[in-house]
Protein backbone atom coordinates (compact mmCIF):
# COMPACT_ATOMS: atom_id res chain seq x y z
CA MET A 1 45.54 30.93 36.77
CA GLU A 2 47.58 28.03 35.39
CA ILE A 3 46.46 24.45 36.00
CA GLN A 4 49.66 23.62 37.89
CA GLU A 5 49.10 26.60 40.20
CA ILE A 6 45.51 25.46 40.85
CA LYS A 7 46.76 21.98 41.76
CA GLN A 8 49.33 23.47 44.13
CA ARG A 9 46.88 25.82 45.86
CA LEU A 10 43.70 23.71 45.95
CA THR A 11 43.86 20.74 48.32
CA LEU A 12 41.58 17.74 48.72
CA ALA A 13 40.78 18.97 52.23
CA MET A 14 39.52 22.27 50.78
CA LEU A 15 37.34 20.38 48.28
CA LEU A 16 35.86 18.12 50.96
CA GLN A 17 35.03 21.15 53.09
CA HIS A 18 33.54 22.97 50.08
CA TYR A 19 31.25 20.03 49.20
CA GLY A 20 30.43 19.14 52.81
CA LEU A 21 32.10 15.72 52.61
CA LYS A 22 33.89 14.08 55.53
CA ALA A 23 36.42 11.27 55.29
CA ASP A 24 36.70 8.50 57.90
CA LYS A 25 39.82 7.77 59.96
CA GLN A 26 41.32 5.74 57.11
CA ASN A 27 40.92 8.71 54.71
CA ARG A 28 38.05 7.02 52.86
CA LEU A 29 34.57 8.20 52.05
CA LYS A 30 31.50 7.01 50.21
CA CYS A 31 32.29 7.85 46.64
CA PRO A 32 30.22 10.88 45.55
CA PHE A 33 30.57 9.91 41.88
CA HIS A 34 28.32 6.83 42.09
CA ASN A 35 25.80 5.19 44.44
CA ASP A 36 28.18 3.91 47.10
CA LYS A 37 27.05 1.89 50.14
CA THR A 38 30.46 1.49 51.76
CA PRO A 39 33.40 3.90 51.53
CA SER A 40 35.29 3.01 48.35
CA LEU A 41 36.99 6.34 47.56
CA GLN A 42 40.48 6.48 49.06
CA LEU A 43 42.03 9.91 49.55
CA TYR A 44 45.77 10.43 49.25
CA TYR A 45 46.62 13.75 50.86
CA LYS A 46 50.33 13.38 50.11
CA THR A 47 49.72 13.46 46.34
CA GLN A 48 46.37 15.33 46.51
CA THR A 49 44.67 12.56 44.54
CA ALA A 50 41.81 10.15 45.09
CA TYR A 51 41.07 6.67 43.79
CA CYS A 52 37.75 4.81 43.77
CA PHE A 53 38.10 1.05 44.15
CA SER A 54 34.52 0.31 43.02
CA THR A 55 34.09 -1.07 39.51
CA ASN A 56 30.70 0.74 39.41
CA CYS A 57 32.44 4.12 39.33
CA ASN A 58 33.21 6.11 36.18
CA THR A 59 36.58 7.00 37.69
CA HIS A 60 37.59 3.39 38.44
CA GLY A 61 41.08 2.56 37.28
CA LYS A 62 42.56 6.04 37.47
CA ALA A 63 43.74 8.38 40.16
CA ILE A 64 41.92 11.71 40.03
CA ASP A 65 43.35 15.07 40.99
CA VAL A 66 41.44 18.04 42.45
CA ILE A 67 40.28 19.28 39.02
CA ASP A 68 39.04 15.82 38.04
CA PHE A 69 37.30 15.59 41.42
CA ILE A 70 35.32 18.75 40.59
CA LEU A 71 34.70 17.53 37.03
CA TYR A 72 33.11 14.26 38.22
CA TYR A 73 31.35 15.78 41.24
CA GLU A 74 29.79 18.66 39.28
CA LYS A 75 29.32 16.57 36.09
CA CYS A 76 30.83 19.37 34.07
CA THR A 77 33.50 19.97 31.43
CA LYS A 78 37.20 20.28 32.21
CA HIS A 79 37.05 24.03 31.50
CA GLU A 80 34.12 24.48 33.91
CA ALA A 81 35.96 22.41 36.54
CA ILE A 82 39.02 24.67 36.23
CA LYS A 83 36.84 27.78 36.62
CA LYS A 84 35.12 26.22 39.64
CA ALA A 85 38.53 25.40 41.16
CA GLU A 86 39.56 29.03 40.74
CA SER A 87 36.39 30.20 42.44
CA ILE A 88 37.03 27.85 45.39
CA ILE A 89 40.57 29.18 45.75
CA ASN A 90 39.43 32.83 45.37
CA PRO A 91 35.81 32.92 46.54
CA GLY A 92 35.50 36.68 46.02
CA ALA A 93 36.75 36.64 42.42
CA VAL A 94 34.18 36.84 39.65
CA THR A 95 34.37 33.88 37.28
CA THR A 96 32.51 32.88 34.17
CA GLN A 97 29.50 30.61 34.37
CA THR A 98 29.96 27.38 36.31
CA THR A 99 27.62 24.44 36.69
CA ALA A 100 26.59 25.36 40.25
CA PRO A 101 23.62 27.48 39.11
CA LYS A 102 22.68 24.73 36.65
CA GLN A 103 22.80 22.09 39.38
CA ALA A 104 20.85 24.30 41.78
CA ASN A 105 18.25 24.83 39.05
CA GLU A 106 18.03 21.06 38.37
CA LYS A 107 17.57 20.42 42.08
CA ALA A 108 14.89 23.10 42.37
CA MET A 109 13.02 21.74 39.35
CA PHE A 110 13.15 18.18 40.70
CA LEU A 111 11.97 19.23 44.17
CA GLU A 112 9.19 21.27 42.58
CA ARG A 113 8.02 18.18 40.65
CA MET A 114 8.11 16.09 43.82
CA PHE A 115 6.16 18.73 45.74
CA THR A 116 3.53 18.81 42.99
CA TYR A 117 3.19 15.05 43.50
CA PHE A 118 2.84 15.61 47.27
CA LYS A 119 0.20 18.34 46.71
CA ASN A 120 -1.81 15.99 44.49
CA ALA A 121 -1.56 13.29 47.16
CA VAL A 122 -3.54 15.53 49.56
CA HIS A 123 -6.53 15.27 47.21
CA ASN A 124 -6.15 11.48 47.03
CA SER A 125 -5.95 10.92 50.79
CA LYS A 126 -9.02 11.55 52.92
CA PRO A 127 -7.08 10.99 56.21
CA ALA A 128 -4.47 13.57 55.12
CA ARG A 129 -7.17 16.13 54.25
CA GLU A 130 -8.96 15.50 57.57
CA TYR A 131 -5.71 15.91 59.50
CA ILE A 132 -4.86 19.16 57.68
CA GLU A 133 -8.35 20.51 58.38
CA SER A 134 -8.10 19.44 62.06
CA ARG A 135 -5.03 21.71 62.30
CA ASN A 136 -7.13 24.61 60.93
CA LEU A 137 -5.14 24.69 57.71
CA ASP A 138 -6.71 25.19 54.30
CA HIS A 139 -4.96 22.94 51.77
CA LYS A 140 -6.72 24.80 48.93
CA GLN A 141 -5.18 28.12 49.97
CA LEU A 142 -1.79 26.97 51.31
CA GLU A 143 1.03 25.06 49.63
CA ILE A 144 0.60 21.80 51.55
CA GLY A 145 1.50 18.32 50.41
CA TYR A 146 1.23 14.80 51.79
CA ASN A 147 3.87 12.12 51.44
CA ALA A 148 2.37 8.63 51.56
CA GLY A 149 5.88 7.28 50.94
CA GLN A 150 4.73 5.32 47.88
CA PHE A 151 6.12 7.42 45.03
CA HIS A 152 8.91 4.90 44.33
CA HIS A 153 6.83 1.68 44.42
CA GLY A 154 4.85 -0.47 42.02
CA ALA A 155 3.86 1.01 38.66
CA ARG A 156 5.49 4.33 39.64
CA LYS A 157 8.88 2.68 40.17
CA ASP A 158 11.43 4.45 38.03
CA GLU A 159 15.21 4.05 38.47
CA SER A 160 15.96 7.65 37.41
CA LEU A 161 13.38 8.92 39.94
CA ILE A 162 14.92 6.76 42.65
CA ASN A 163 18.43 7.99 41.78
CA ASP A 164 17.29 11.64 41.87
CA CYS A 165 15.48 11.05 45.16
CA LEU A 166 18.66 9.53 46.62
CA LYS A 167 20.73 12.41 45.25
CA TYR A 168 18.52 15.10 46.77
CA GLY A 169 17.68 13.37 50.06
CA ILE A 170 14.05 12.40 49.40
CA LEU A 171 15.03 8.74 49.81
CA LEU A 172 17.72 7.21 52.02
CA ASP A 173 19.36 3.89 51.19
CA LEU A 174 19.75 2.09 54.53
CA GLY A 175 21.44 -0.91 52.94
CA LEU A 176 18.45 -3.16 53.70
CA LYS A 177 16.41 -5.47 51.50
CA SER A 178 12.60 -5.56 51.24
CA ARG A 179 10.44 -8.71 51.43
CA THR A 180 10.82 -9.03 47.66
CA GLY A 181 14.62 -8.89 47.88
CA GLU A 182 14.89 -5.43 46.34
CA THR A 183 16.65 -2.48 47.95
CA ALA A 184 14.51 -0.94 50.70
CA TYR A 185 14.51 2.85 50.99
CA LYS A 186 13.46 5.18 53.78
CA PRO A 187 11.42 8.06 52.31
CA PHE A 188 11.66 11.60 53.66
CA GLY A 189 8.56 12.58 55.65
CA LYS A 190 6.64 9.34 55.15
CA TRP A 191 2.96 9.70 56.21
CA CYS A 192 3.55 13.39 56.90
CA ILE A 193 2.22 16.64 55.54
CA VAL A 194 4.98 18.59 53.85
CA PHE A 195 5.44 22.24 52.97
CA ALA A 196 7.35 23.77 50.07
């Protein structure tokens, strides 16, 4: 399929639906290409392009078409973005390797690392162990973790960890500041036992 044909057949609306994104009434959304607190990505359905007004975005300063949208969203090459676009247009067609399996694998590996941290936290928290045992669960036999909600604080604070946690939903940025003036995050399942 030629690039021009892809651009004619693949619309921004199709891409938003594919990636589970929803624009507001002004055809804006929080830019998926950078950490965006307020909607800065403007969608232009007439030209099937988008433009991010944030200077923090890699796409700032240029209008992006549907192929570029995939390229930045999937963090892939232009060739892979074209193949992905073809697979969105023709979901049943077999295409060559795209980055979706790679991204799914990265997500799985990250979540596995986080769950290992949560499993180790059970051993470090007597109240968590006592609660698990009170529910007649055996944390030595079952895959059970505990989230104290502290994995992004103090000596463990790591910007890449925080960014991955935001990306995969382990942390939520509520747009608030902590007592120290830093960004405050809401952790998934804080003070809860968690299962793989």
